[in-house]
Protein backbone atom coordinates (compact mmCIF):
# COMPACT_ATOMS: atom_id res chain seq x y z
CA MET A 1 74.28 -85.54 96.38
CA ALA A 2 73.15 -88.79 97.76
CA ASN A 3 71.78 -91.73 95.81
CA LEU A 4 73.56 -90.89 92.59
CA SER A 5 74.96 -93.80 90.74
CA ILE A 6 78.49 -93.75 89.42
CA LEU A 7 80.16 -96.16 86.92
CA TRP A 8 83.93 -96.25 87.44
CA ALA A 9 86.06 -97.97 84.74
CA ASP A 10 89.70 -98.45 85.56
CA ASP A 11 92.06 -101.44 84.86
CA GLU A 12 93.46 -100.96 88.39
CA ILE A 13 90.04 -100.72 90.08
CA ASP A 14 90.99 -103.05 92.89
CA LEU A 15 93.62 -100.39 94.01
CA LEU A 16 90.83 -97.82 94.11
CA ALA A 17 88.85 -99.61 96.82
CA PRO A 18 89.49 -96.78 99.41
CA HIS A 19 88.12 -94.24 96.89
CA LEU A 20 85.04 -96.38 96.27
CA SER A 21 84.42 -96.77 100.06
CA PHE A 22 84.79 -92.96 100.42
CA LEU A 23 82.19 -92.37 97.75
CA GLU A 24 79.90 -94.97 99.28
CA SER A 25 80.16 -93.17 102.64
CA LYS A 26 79.05 -89.96 100.98
CA GLY A 27 75.90 -91.60 99.76
CA TYR A 28 76.93 -92.49 96.14
CA ARG A 29 76.20 -95.87 94.58
CA THR A 30 79.27 -97.04 92.75
CA THR A 31 79.70 -99.77 90.09
CA PRO A 32 83.34 -100.70 89.47
CA VAL A 33 84.58 -102.27 86.21
CA ASN A 34 88.09 -102.92 84.97
CA ASN A 35 87.90 -102.43 81.28
CA GLY A 36 86.17 -100.39 78.47
CA LEU A 37 84.06 -103.17 77.04
CA GLU A 38 82.45 -103.94 80.44
CA ALA A 39 81.82 -100.25 80.94
CA LEU A 40 79.99 -100.09 77.66
CA GLN A 41 77.90 -103.16 78.47
CA ARG A 42 76.90 -101.82 81.89
CA ALA A 43 76.13 -98.29 80.53
CA ALA A 44 73.88 -99.88 77.83
CA ASP A 45 71.95 -101.96 80.40
CA GLU A 46 71.75 -99.56 83.34
CA ASP A 47 71.30 -95.80 83.92
CA PHE A 48 74.14 -93.96 85.53
CA ASP A 49 74.39 -90.33 86.64
CA LEU A 50 78.11 -90.16 85.96
CA VAL A 51 81.02 -92.19 84.52
CA LEU A 52 84.57 -92.03 85.81
CA LEU A 53 86.76 -93.25 82.96
CA ASP A 54 90.49 -94.14 83.08
CA GLU A 55 92.20 -92.99 79.98
CA ASN A 56 95.00 -95.60 79.89
CA MET A 57 93.34 -99.07 79.83
CA PRO A 58 94.51 -102.07 77.91
CA GLY A 59 92.33 -103.16 75.07
CA LEU A 60 89.74 -100.50 74.42
CA SER A 61 91.37 -97.22 75.49
CA GLY A 62 89.67 -94.55 77.48
CA LEU A 63 89.21 -92.28 74.48
CA GLU A 64 87.77 -95.16 72.42
CA THR A 65 85.43 -96.03 75.27
CA LEU A 66 84.39 -92.37 75.58
CA SER A 67 83.55 -92.23 71.89
CA ARG A 68 81.29 -95.28 72.14
CA LEU A 69 79.77 -94.10 75.41
CA LYS A 70 78.71 -90.88 73.66
CA GLU A 71 76.89 -92.97 71.01
CA ILE A 72 75.10 -95.03 73.60
CA LYS A 73 74.25 -92.30 76.18
CA PRO A 74 75.18 -88.90 74.62
CA LEU A 75 73.93 -86.85 77.60
CA MET A 76 75.65 -88.93 80.25
CA PRO A 77 78.55 -86.87 81.85
CA VAL A 78 81.96 -88.39 81.79
CA ILE A 79 85.03 -87.44 83.93
CA MET A 80 88.28 -88.66 82.39
CA VAL A 81 90.93 -89.86 84.88
CA THR A 82 94.49 -89.99 83.48
CA LYS A 83 98.13 -90.24 84.43
CA SER A 84 99.10 -88.14 81.35
CA GLU A 85 99.18 -84.40 81.17
CA GLU A 86 99.91 -84.40 77.52
CA GLU A 87 98.29 -81.42 75.80
CA LEU A 88 97.12 -83.26 72.72
CA LEU A 89 95.39 -85.92 74.77
CA MET A 90 93.60 -83.29 76.86
CA GLU A 91 92.47 -81.49 73.78
CA GLU A 92 91.10 -84.66 72.26
CA ALA A 93 89.24 -85.57 75.49
CA ILE A 94 87.80 -82.14 75.96
CA GLY A 95 86.85 -82.05 72.22
CA SER A 96 84.85 -85.22 72.89
CA LYS A 97 82.77 -83.24 75.37
CA ILE A 98 83.98 -84.65 78.74
CA ALA A 99 82.50 -82.96 81.69
CA ASP A 100 85.88 -82.72 83.52
CA TYR A 101 89.21 -84.48 83.90
CA LEU A 102 91.41 -85.52 86.89
CA ILE A 103 95.18 -86.27 86.94
CA LYS A 104 96.31 -89.36 88.99
CA PRO A 105 96.97 -89.83 91.73
CA VAL A 106 93.50 -88.58 92.72
CA HIS A 107 92.82 -87.52 96.22
CA PRO A 108 89.32 -88.49 97.57
CA LYS A 109 88.32 -84.82 98.29
CA GLN A 110 89.53 -83.78 94.80
CA LEU A 111 87.35 -86.60 93.43
CA LEU A 112 84.37 -85.52 95.43
CA SER A 113 84.80 -81.91 94.29
CA ALA A 114 84.82 -82.99 90.64
CA ILE A 115 81.75 -85.10 91.06
CA LEU A 116 79.89 -82.28 92.80
CA LYS A 117 80.85 -79.91 90.10
CA VAL A 118 79.47 -82.16 87.38
CA THR A 119 76.44 -83.62 89.05
CA ASP A 120 75.33 -80.87 91.55
CA GLN A 121 76.71 -77.67 90.01
CA LYS A 122 73.30 -76.27 89.09
CA ARG A 123 71.91 -76.81 92.60
CA LEU A 124 74.98 -75.38 94.27
CA VAL A 125 75.07 -72.33 91.99
CA ALA A 126 71.35 -71.80 92.53
CA ARG A 127 71.76 -71.95 96.28
CA LYS A 128 74.65 -69.51 96.19
CA THR A 129 72.81 -67.18 93.80
CA ASN A 130 69.65 -67.16 95.90
CA GLU A 131 71.63 -66.50 99.12
CA ALA A 132 73.49 -63.66 97.46
CA TYR A 133 70.25 -62.08 96.18
CA ARG A 134 68.68 -62.33 99.59
CA ASP A 135 71.64 -60.48 101.00
CA ASP A 136 71.31 -57.81 98.25
CA PHE A 137 67.46 -57.60 98.37
CA GLY A 138 67.36 -55.12 101.23
CA GLU A 139 70.16 -52.98 99.82
CA LEU A 140 68.40 -52.78 96.46
CA GLY A 141 65.22 -51.83 98.15
CA MET A 142 66.88 -49.09 100.16
CA SER A 143 68.62 -47.76 97.13
CA MET A 144 65.37 -47.49 95.25
CA SER A 145 63.87 -45.43 98.08
CA ASP A 146 66.65 -42.84 97.84
CA GLN A 147 66.68 -39.82 95.63
CA LEU A 148 68.62 -41.41 92.78
CA ASP A 149 69.98 -39.34 89.88
CA ALA A 150 70.02 -40.53 86.26
CA ALA A 151 73.46 -42.22 86.57
CA GLN A 152 72.46 -44.02 89.69
CA TRP A 153 69.22 -45.30 88.13
CA ALA A 154 71.33 -46.64 85.26
CA GLU A 155 73.65 -48.38 87.62
CA LEU A 156 70.70 -49.77 89.56
CA TYR A 157 69.11 -51.10 86.33
CA GLN A 158 72.36 -52.82 85.39
CA ARG A 159 72.35 -54.52 88.84
CA LEU A 160 68.78 -55.66 88.31
CA VAL A 161 69.60 -57.12 84.98
CA ARG A 162 72.54 -59.09 86.41
CA TRP A 163 70.29 -60.49 89.14
CA GLU A 164 67.54 -61.35 86.63
CA LEU A 165 69.99 -63.33 84.42
CA ASP A 166 71.55 -65.08 87.48
CA LEU A 167 68.22 -65.99 89.00
CA GLU A 168 66.99 -67.30 85.61
CA GLU A 169 69.90 -69.72 85.74
CA SER A 170 69.03 -70.77 89.30
CA GLY A 171 65.55 -72.11 88.34
CA ASP A 172 64.09 -71.08 91.61
CA GLU A 173 60.51 -69.95 90.73
CA GLY A 174 59.86 -68.52 94.16
CA MET A 175 62.93 -66.36 94.11
CA LYS A 176 62.14 -65.18 90.53
CA GLU A 177 58.69 -64.05 91.74
CA VAL A 178 60.27 -62.04 94.49
CA PHE A 179 62.64 -60.40 92.00
CA ALA A 180 59.75 -59.69 89.56
CA MET A 181 57.94 -57.80 92.34
CA GLN A 182 61.05 -55.81 93.19
CA LYS A 183 61.72 -54.92 89.56
CA ALA A 184 58.07 -53.84 89.16
CA GLU A 185 58.53 -51.54 92.21
CA ALA A 186 61.73 -50.16 90.67
CA ASN A 187 59.80 -49.32 87.50
CA ARG A 188 57.10 -47.52 89.40
CA LEU A 189 59.72 -45.41 91.20
CA PHE A 190 61.57 -44.86 87.99
CA VAL A 191 58.35 -43.40 86.40
CA ARG A 192 58.15 -40.95 89.19
CA PHE A 193 61.80 -39.99 88.70
CA ILE A 194 61.28 -39.35 85.04
CA LYS A 195 58.16 -37.28 85.62
CA LYS A 196 60.00 -35.16 88.15
CA ASN A 197 63.27 -34.67 86.28
CA TYR A 198 62.86 -35.23 82.51
CA ALA A 199 61.92 -31.64 81.58
CA SER A 200 64.83 -30.34 83.66
CA TRP A 201 67.39 -32.15 81.40
CA PHE A 202 66.42 -29.74 78.64
CA ALA A 203 66.65 -26.59 80.83
CA GLY A 204 69.04 -24.07 79.34
CA THR A 205 69.07 -25.72 75.90
CA LEU A 206 66.07 -23.77 74.60
CA ASN A 207 65.65 -20.15 73.57
CA THR A 208 62.56 -18.13 74.55
CA LYS A 209 60.67 -19.48 71.58
CA GLY A 210 61.19 -23.10 72.69
CA MET A 211 63.78 -23.84 69.98
CA ALA A 212 67.06 -25.62 70.58
CA ILE A 213 70.02 -23.25 70.98
CA PRO A 214 72.51 -24.06 68.25
CA ALA A 215 75.78 -25.27 69.65
CA LYS A 216 78.78 -27.12 68.28
CA GLN A 217 78.89 -29.32 71.39
CA PRO A 218 75.62 -30.73 72.88
CA GLN A 219 74.55 -28.81 75.98
CA SER A 220 75.21 -30.41 79.26
CA VAL A 221 72.65 -29.95 82.10
CA GLN A 222 73.94 -30.93 85.51
CA GLY A 223 72.69 -34.37 86.44
CA ALA A 224 71.29 -35.13 82.97
CA PRO A 225 72.30 -38.29 81.20
CA THR A 226 73.41 -38.68 77.56
CA LEU A 227 70.21 -38.66 75.49
CA SER A 228 69.39 -39.94 72.07
CA HIS A 229 70.21 -36.69 70.15
CA GLN A 230 73.53 -36.32 72.04
CA LEU A 231 74.79 -39.92 71.58
CA LEU A 232 76.69 -39.44 68.33
CA GLN A 233 78.35 -36.20 69.47
CA ARG A 234 79.45 -37.52 72.85
CA LYS A 235 80.20 -41.09 72.10
CA LEU A 236 80.67 -41.75 68.39
CA LEU A 237 82.73 -38.65 67.43
CA PRO A 238 85.67 -39.50 69.78
CA ILE A 239 85.70 -43.05 68.44
CA LEU A 240 85.87 -41.73 64.81
CA ASP A 241 88.75 -39.59 65.85
CA GLN A 242 90.61 -42.60 67.39
CA TYR A 243 89.97 -45.39 64.90
CA PRO A 244 90.19 -45.36 61.05
CA LYS A 245 87.32 -47.75 60.52
CA VAL A 246 84.15 -47.86 62.59
CA LEU A 247 81.00 -50.00 62.26
CA LEU A 248 77.93 -48.51 64.04
CA LEU A 249 75.40 -51.27 64.52
CA LEU A 250 71.94 -50.23 65.77
CA ILE A 251 69.65 -53.25 66.71
CA ASP A 252 66.17 -51.71 66.92
CA ASN A 253 64.08 -52.39 70.00
CA PHE A 254 67.06 -53.97 71.94
CA ARG A 255 67.22 -54.20 75.68
CA LEU A 256 70.16 -54.43 78.08
CA ASP A 257 69.34 -57.97 79.06
CA GLN A 258 69.17 -59.06 75.42
CA PHE A 259 72.63 -57.43 74.85
CA ARG A 260 74.01 -59.36 77.86
CA VAL A 261 73.01 -62.75 76.44
CA ILE A 262 74.62 -62.09 73.02
CA GLU A 263 77.80 -60.49 74.51
CA PRO A 264 79.56 -63.81 75.01
CA ILE A 265 78.97 -64.74 71.40
CA LEU A 266 80.54 -61.48 70.26
CA GLY A 267 83.46 -62.16 72.59
CA GLU A 268 84.73 -64.92 70.29
CA PHE A 269 86.12 -62.31 67.87
CA TYR A 270 85.67 -58.96 69.60
CA ARG A 271 86.89 -57.73 72.94
CA ALA A 272 84.87 -55.15 74.79
CA LEU A 273 86.52 -51.78 75.40
CA GLU A 274 83.49 -50.20 77.03
CA VAL A 275 79.92 -51.27 78.03
CA GLU A 276 77.68 -48.62 79.29
CA THR A 277 74.12 -47.24 78.90
CA TYR A 278 72.47 -44.09 77.70
CA TYR A 279 68.86 -42.73 77.92
CA SER A 280 66.42 -42.93 75.01
CA ILE A 281 64.40 -39.71 74.68
CA LEU A 282 60.59 -39.76 75.09
CA PRO A 283 58.58 -41.09 73.53
CA THR A 284 60.76 -44.26 73.37
CA SER A 285 59.65 -45.03 69.82
CA THR A 286 61.50 -45.46 66.53
CA GLU A 287 60.28 -42.31 64.80
CA TYR A 288 61.30 -40.06 67.67
CA ALA A 289 64.37 -41.76 69.24
CA ARG A 290 66.06 -43.01 66.10
CA ASN A 291 65.63 -39.89 64.02
CA ALA A 292 66.95 -37.85 66.96
CA LEU A 293 69.97 -40.17 67.34
CA PHE A 294 71.00 -39.92 63.61
CA ALA A 295 70.23 -36.24 63.23
CA GLY A 296 72.09 -35.31 66.41
CA MET A 297 69.19 -33.08 67.43
CA PRO A 298 65.79 -33.45 69.23
CA PRO A 299 62.63 -34.01 67.22
CA ALA A 300 61.39 -30.40 67.48
CA GLU A 301 64.61 -29.09 65.99
CA ILE A 302 64.47 -31.73 63.17
CA VAL A 303 60.96 -30.48 62.34
CA ARG A 304 62.18 -26.88 62.34
CA ARG A 305 65.16 -27.56 60.09
CA TYR A 306 63.85 -30.32 57.84
CA PRO A 307 60.01 -30.14 57.96
CA ASP A 308 59.80 -32.08 54.70
CA ARG A 309 61.77 -34.98 56.16
CA TRP A 310 59.78 -35.54 59.30
CA TRP A 311 57.31 -38.47 59.42
CA SER A 312 53.73 -38.21 58.31
CA ASP A 313 50.71 -39.98 59.61
CA GLN A 314 49.48 -40.28 56.06
CA ASP A 315 52.48 -42.60 55.17
CA GLU A 316 53.30 -44.98 57.96
CA HIS A 317 56.37 -46.30 56.03
CA SER A 318 58.00 -42.84 55.92
CA HIS A 319 58.74 -42.52 59.67
CA ASN A 320 62.42 -43.36 59.23
CA MET A 321 63.19 -42.82 55.53
CA HIS A 322 65.84 -40.13 56.04
CA GLU A 323 68.25 -41.55 58.67
CA SER A 324 71.21 -41.68 56.26
CA PHE A 325 70.52 -38.07 55.21
CA PHE A 326 70.39 -36.92 58.86
CA LEU A 327 73.66 -38.71 59.57
CA GLY A 328 75.37 -37.12 56.58
CA GLU A 329 74.29 -33.70 57.74
CA TRP A 330 75.54 -34.43 61.22
CA LEU A 331 78.92 -35.50 59.86
CA LYS A 332 79.17 -32.22 57.78
CA ARG A 333 78.27 -30.07 60.85
CA ASN A 334 81.12 -31.71 62.66
CA GLY A 335 83.59 -31.20 59.86
CA ARG A 336 83.73 -34.82 58.80
CA ASN A 337 83.49 -36.41 55.40
CA PRO A 338 79.75 -36.96 54.92
CA ALA A 339 80.41 -40.15 52.87
CA HIS A 340 79.45 -43.22 54.74
CA GLY A 341 77.97 -46.69 54.22
CA TYR A 342 74.39 -47.21 55.35
CA GLN A 343 72.24 -50.34 55.36
CA LYS A 344 68.84 -51.04 56.92
CA ILE A 345 67.89 -54.72 57.24
CA THR A 346 64.17 -55.49 57.61
CA SER A 347 63.98 -59.10 56.53
CA LEU A 348 66.03 -62.28 56.50
CA ALA A 349 66.14 -62.36 52.70
CA GLN A 350 67.45 -58.86 52.62
CA ALA A 351 70.03 -59.73 55.23
CA LYS A 352 71.29 -62.61 53.22
CA GLN A 353 71.43 -60.54 50.04
CA SER A 354 73.01 -57.52 51.56
CA LEU A 355 75.32 -58.92 54.19
CA GLU A 356 76.55 -62.19 52.57
CA ASN A 357 77.96 -60.67 49.39
CA ALA A 358 81.69 -60.43 48.75
CA ASN A 359 82.21 -57.09 50.53
CA GLY A 360 79.21 -56.88 52.81
CA GLY A 361 79.23 -53.13 52.29
CA LEU A 362 82.43 -52.75 54.36
CA SER A 363 84.21 -50.19 52.28
CA GLN A 364 83.75 -46.79 54.08
CA PRO A 365 85.59 -45.49 57.16
CA LEU A 366 82.12 -45.27 58.80
CA GLU A 367 79.66 -48.03 58.12
CA VAL A 368 76.22 -47.92 59.70
CA LEU A 369 73.95 -50.97 59.91
CA VAL A 370 70.39 -50.73 61.27
CA TYR A 371 68.95 -54.10 62.00
CA ASN A 372 65.15 -54.27 62.50
CA PHE A 373 64.78 -58.00 63.25
CA VAL A 374 64.11 -57.66 67.00
CA ASP A 375 61.57 -54.98 66.38
CA MET A 376 59.62 -57.07 63.84
CA LEU A 377 59.65 -59.95 66.19
CA SER A 378 58.32 -57.98 69.13
CA HIS A 379 55.48 -56.46 67.15
CA ALA A 380 54.70 -59.78 65.40
CA ARG A 381 54.31 -61.32 68.80
CA SER A 382 50.92 -59.57 69.30
CA GLU A 383 49.51 -61.10 66.09
CA MET A 384 51.22 -64.49 65.59
CA ASN A 385 50.37 -67.37 67.84
CA ILE A 386 53.62 -69.15 67.30
CA ILE A 387 55.66 -66.10 68.45
CA LYS A 388 53.37 -65.83 71.57
CA GLU A 389 54.29 -69.46 72.32
CA LEU A 390 57.95 -68.91 71.82
CA ALA A 391 58.29 -65.56 73.63
CA GLU A 392 56.02 -66.20 76.66
CA ASP A 393 58.16 -64.07 78.99
CA GLU A 394 61.44 -62.18 79.18
CA ALA A 395 63.47 -65.35 79.63
CA ALA A 396 61.99 -66.87 76.48
CA TYR A 397 62.50 -63.57 74.63
CA ARG A 398 66.23 -63.55 75.62
CA SER A 399 66.53 -67.16 74.45
CA ILE A 400 64.99 -66.28 71.09
CA THR A 401 67.38 -63.33 70.78
CA ARG A 402 70.39 -65.50 71.55
CA SER A 403 69.39 -68.24 69.09
CA TRP A 404 68.57 -65.64 66.40
CA PHE A 405 71.94 -63.97 66.78
CA GLN A 406 73.90 -67.26 66.74
CA HIS A 407 72.30 -68.27 63.41
CA SER A 408 71.82 -64.93 61.70
CA PRO A 409 73.75 -63.48 58.74
CA LEU A 410 74.50 -60.54 61.11
CA LEU A 411 76.94 -62.71 63.09
CA ASP A 412 78.83 -63.62 59.97
CA TYR A 413 78.90 -60.00 58.92
CA LEU A 414 80.28 -58.91 62.27
CA GLN A 415 83.03 -61.55 62.08
CA LYS A 416 83.86 -60.26 58.63
CA ALA A 417 83.99 -56.67 59.93
CA ALA A 418 86.35 -57.78 62.82
CA ALA A 419 88.67 -59.48 60.27
CA ARG A 420 88.82 -56.17 58.37
CA GLY A 421 89.71 -54.19 61.49
CA TYR A 422 86.46 -52.38 62.21
CA THR A 423 85.84 -51.02 65.64
CA LEU A 424 82.26 -52.03 66.57
CA VAL A 425 79.91 -49.64 68.28
CA LEU A 426 76.72 -51.56 69.20
CA THR A 427 73.60 -49.79 70.48
CA THR A 428 69.95 -49.31 69.92
CA ASP A 429 67.37 -46.46 69.83
CA HIS A 430 65.06 -47.73 72.59
CA GLY A 431 64.02 -50.84 74.50
CA MET A 432 60.70 -52.44 75.17
CA ILE A 433 58.58 -53.88 78.00
CA LYS A 434 56.06 -56.65 78.50
CA VAL A 435 52.81 -54.83 79.10
CA GLN A 436 50.21 -56.09 81.56
CA ASP A 437 47.97 -53.14 82.73
CA PRO A 438 45.40 -51.74 80.22
CA VAL A 439 44.42 -48.12 80.81
CA ARG A 440 41.38 -46.36 79.23
CA ILE A 441 42.19 -43.27 77.21
CA SER A 442 40.05 -41.15 74.88
CA GLY A 443 40.73 -38.30 72.55
CA ASP A 444 40.17 -36.96 68.99
CA ARG A 445 40.30 -38.90 65.87
CA GLU A 446 43.88 -37.83 65.05
CA MET A 447 45.34 -39.30 68.26
CA SER A 448 48.43 -41.38 67.50
CA ASN A 449 47.92 -45.10 67.63
CA ASN A 450 51.00 -46.33 69.67
CA LEU A 451 49.94 -48.39 72.65
CA ARG A 452 52.53 -46.80 74.95
CA TYR A 453 52.08 -43.13 74.11
CA LYS A 454 49.50 -40.83 72.62
CA GLU A 455 49.92 -37.46 70.97
CA GLY A 456 46.86 -35.43 70.15
CA ARG A 457 44.11 -33.05 71.40
CA ASN A 458 41.62 -33.45 74.13
CA LEU A 459 43.17 -36.52 75.55
CA GLN A 460 41.33 -37.77 78.64
CA ILE A 461 42.94 -40.10 81.18
CA GLN A 462 43.38 -40.35 84.97
CA ASP A 463 46.25 -42.38 86.30
CA ASP A 464 49.14 -41.57 88.60
CA LEU A 465 51.69 -43.52 86.51
CA VAL A 466 51.16 -41.70 83.14
CA TYR A 467 53.26 -38.76 82.21
CA THR A 468 51.40 -35.92 80.56
CA ILE A 469 53.53 -33.42 78.67
CA GLN A 470 51.30 -30.32 78.40
CA GLN A 471 54.14 -28.17 76.93
CA PRO A 472 56.00 -30.42 74.31
CA GLU A 473 58.40 -27.59 73.48
CA GLN A 474 59.85 -27.78 76.96
CA VAL A 475 61.21 -31.21 76.09
CA GLN A 476 61.86 -30.42 72.42
CA LEU A 477 58.97 -32.40 70.95
CA PRO A 478 56.98 -31.14 67.95
CA ARG A 479 53.29 -30.29 68.04
CA LYS A 480 50.99 -31.35 65.24
CA HIS A 481 48.44 -28.89 66.56
CA LEU A 482 48.60 -25.78 68.66
CA ASN A 483 47.00 -27.52 71.64
CA SER A 484 48.52 -31.03 71.18
CA VAL A 485 49.86 -32.82 74.22
CA TYR A 486 51.70 -36.02 74.81
CA ILE A 487 50.67 -38.78 77.26
CA LEU A 488 53.14 -41.59 77.98
CA ALA A 489 52.32 -44.93 79.71
CA GLY A 490 54.39 -45.82 82.73
CA SER A 491 55.68 -49.09 84.00
CA ASP A 492 53.80 -52.00 82.34
CA GLN A 493 50.71 -50.03 81.28
CA PHE A 494 49.26 -49.80 77.79
CA PHE A 495 46.45 -47.67 76.35
CA CYS A 496 43.13 -48.96 75.06
CA TYR A 497 40.11 -47.04 73.81
CA PRO A 498 36.84 -47.19 75.74
CA ASN A 499 35.18 -48.88 72.70
CA ASN A 500 35.96 -52.67 72.69
CA PHE A 501 38.24 -52.07 75.69
CA HIS A 502 38.18 -55.65 76.93
CA GLN A 503 38.81 -57.10 73.50
CA TYR A 504 41.97 -54.96 72.92
CA ALA A 505 43.09 -55.32 76.48
CA SER A 506 43.01 -59.19 76.03
CA LEU A 507 44.71 -59.00 72.63
CA TYR A 508 47.70 -56.89 73.72
CA ARG A 509 48.21 -57.87 77.31
CA ASP A 510 51.53 -59.78 77.69
CA SER A 511 52.87 -58.38 74.45
CA PHE A 512 56.16 -56.45 74.24
CA GLN A 513 55.67 -52.77 73.42
CA HIS A 514 57.62 -49.54 73.50
CA GLY A 515 57.05 -45.78 73.50
CA GLY A 516 56.50 -45.28 77.14
CA ILE A 517 58.52 -44.99 80.36
CA SER A 518 60.25 -47.95 81.94
CA LEU A 519 63.71 -49.03 82.79
CA GLU A 520 63.70 -51.45 79.89
CA GLU A 521 62.70 -48.84 77.32
CA CYS A 522 64.65 -45.89 78.53
CA ILE A 523 68.02 -47.18 79.73
CA VAL A 524 69.64 -48.91 76.76
CA PRO A 525 72.98 -50.46 75.97
CA LEU A 526 76.00 -48.86 74.30
CA ALA A 527 79.11 -50.98 73.89
CA VAL A 528 82.39 -50.41 72.01
CA PHE A 529 84.42 -53.41 70.78
CA ARG A 530 87.78 -53.88 69.14
CA PRO A 531 88.58 -56.99 67.04
CA ARG A 532 90.58 -59.70 68.68
CA GLU A 533 94.00 -60.39 67.21
CA GLY A 534 94.13 -63.24 64.72
CA VAL A 535 90.41 -63.18 63.82
């Protein structure tokens, strides 16, 4: 990149005149000095984009100069140039946060490559990323217009998440807008796919009365993905058979893109065996999806078998009081020891108290940890201005997630679990989406209050993207009343009542919600990790 200024400190700087001329010919402005003290003086008085620093100089050594440079200009990148390949020296230089290092003799093209890597890497990566996305844009669009099945939609969503993260790094706002439009179109088509196919995934699993057919193994319908109530049977059971100690971590309200930003942090002490996705059942809400997951059965079957343990509108805190019981019953049905550890974390204080004790609860062959922090954050966003400022968009939300995970007691707990040999199964019960489009809905007084789905009688709405489930038993959902129906918002919609419509539309627009149909809510991560050796 032309017009960048480079400070080059080397006690043999006169011998490097050809290199300096080469850099000048490429548009760089170079300032040569022949010792560390002069380099420090020039760095203090002038602004440089980069320092080339010889390691072996008389007087003030390269490493000593580096240390003082970091005090003067901590953000200024430094490339160390050395004759030595001694491992200890390299470790010390890298530990001092050098941007790169070169071994003498240095070829001019090698030098130019290192400078470009340090000073122009972001622009070069952004250009390459944008070019690659342009090449893939048409193929993605054609893929979305095909008749995709559930597995292909999951694969497409994973591709979209990869592009979203790559384009975020590029910083190209125009390209990010193009991607946002393509992702929105993908969500609209995904809603159509769900409306057309969701009921068929339950075909053959119901008897004539609409009840689930008892089976030791979860029924498999051709083309149907693994759903919430099938997850433990299909995914966890084989892991319990293979490994003596398993930790099941469920982070509530956790999307695939959020998983991707914490995955490298986990990689410090866990290695991934498998990273895939599964489908949350509808509605994509905690009371339905999580209860179904731990019970190993759909909501209608839970209500039939355990009517006294299903949630009640009269007690909003009882929606998920019986997860550990459901899990124990599932273990017994599958011939396993029902004893297991179970913790649900709903606050930072509880996390510190529960997870930072001597054992952290890690004593059973199966430990289950439900972590509600992300869910609390997403709901709080609608009511707390500070959260609105911090989580303005998906990129900011991912950043908050990464920062929280890096500094949470949960990370210490997972490191402790790795040290004790626990295989980690990380998943969620559903995701969430940033809502933009308010839709009017009306119904009776007992209509549920979730912004993304409604269950009740006499529901009135007209919109092509909503999914109306007139016969809930066909998808194994319970009815509160004989003529109750479910209506689910699609894409980025959210429901508002006609009364005070504009007030509530303004309040909840741009908030993150769940319960409806979108790629972000329905297709969620499932990852299996083994501890790294020596953790």
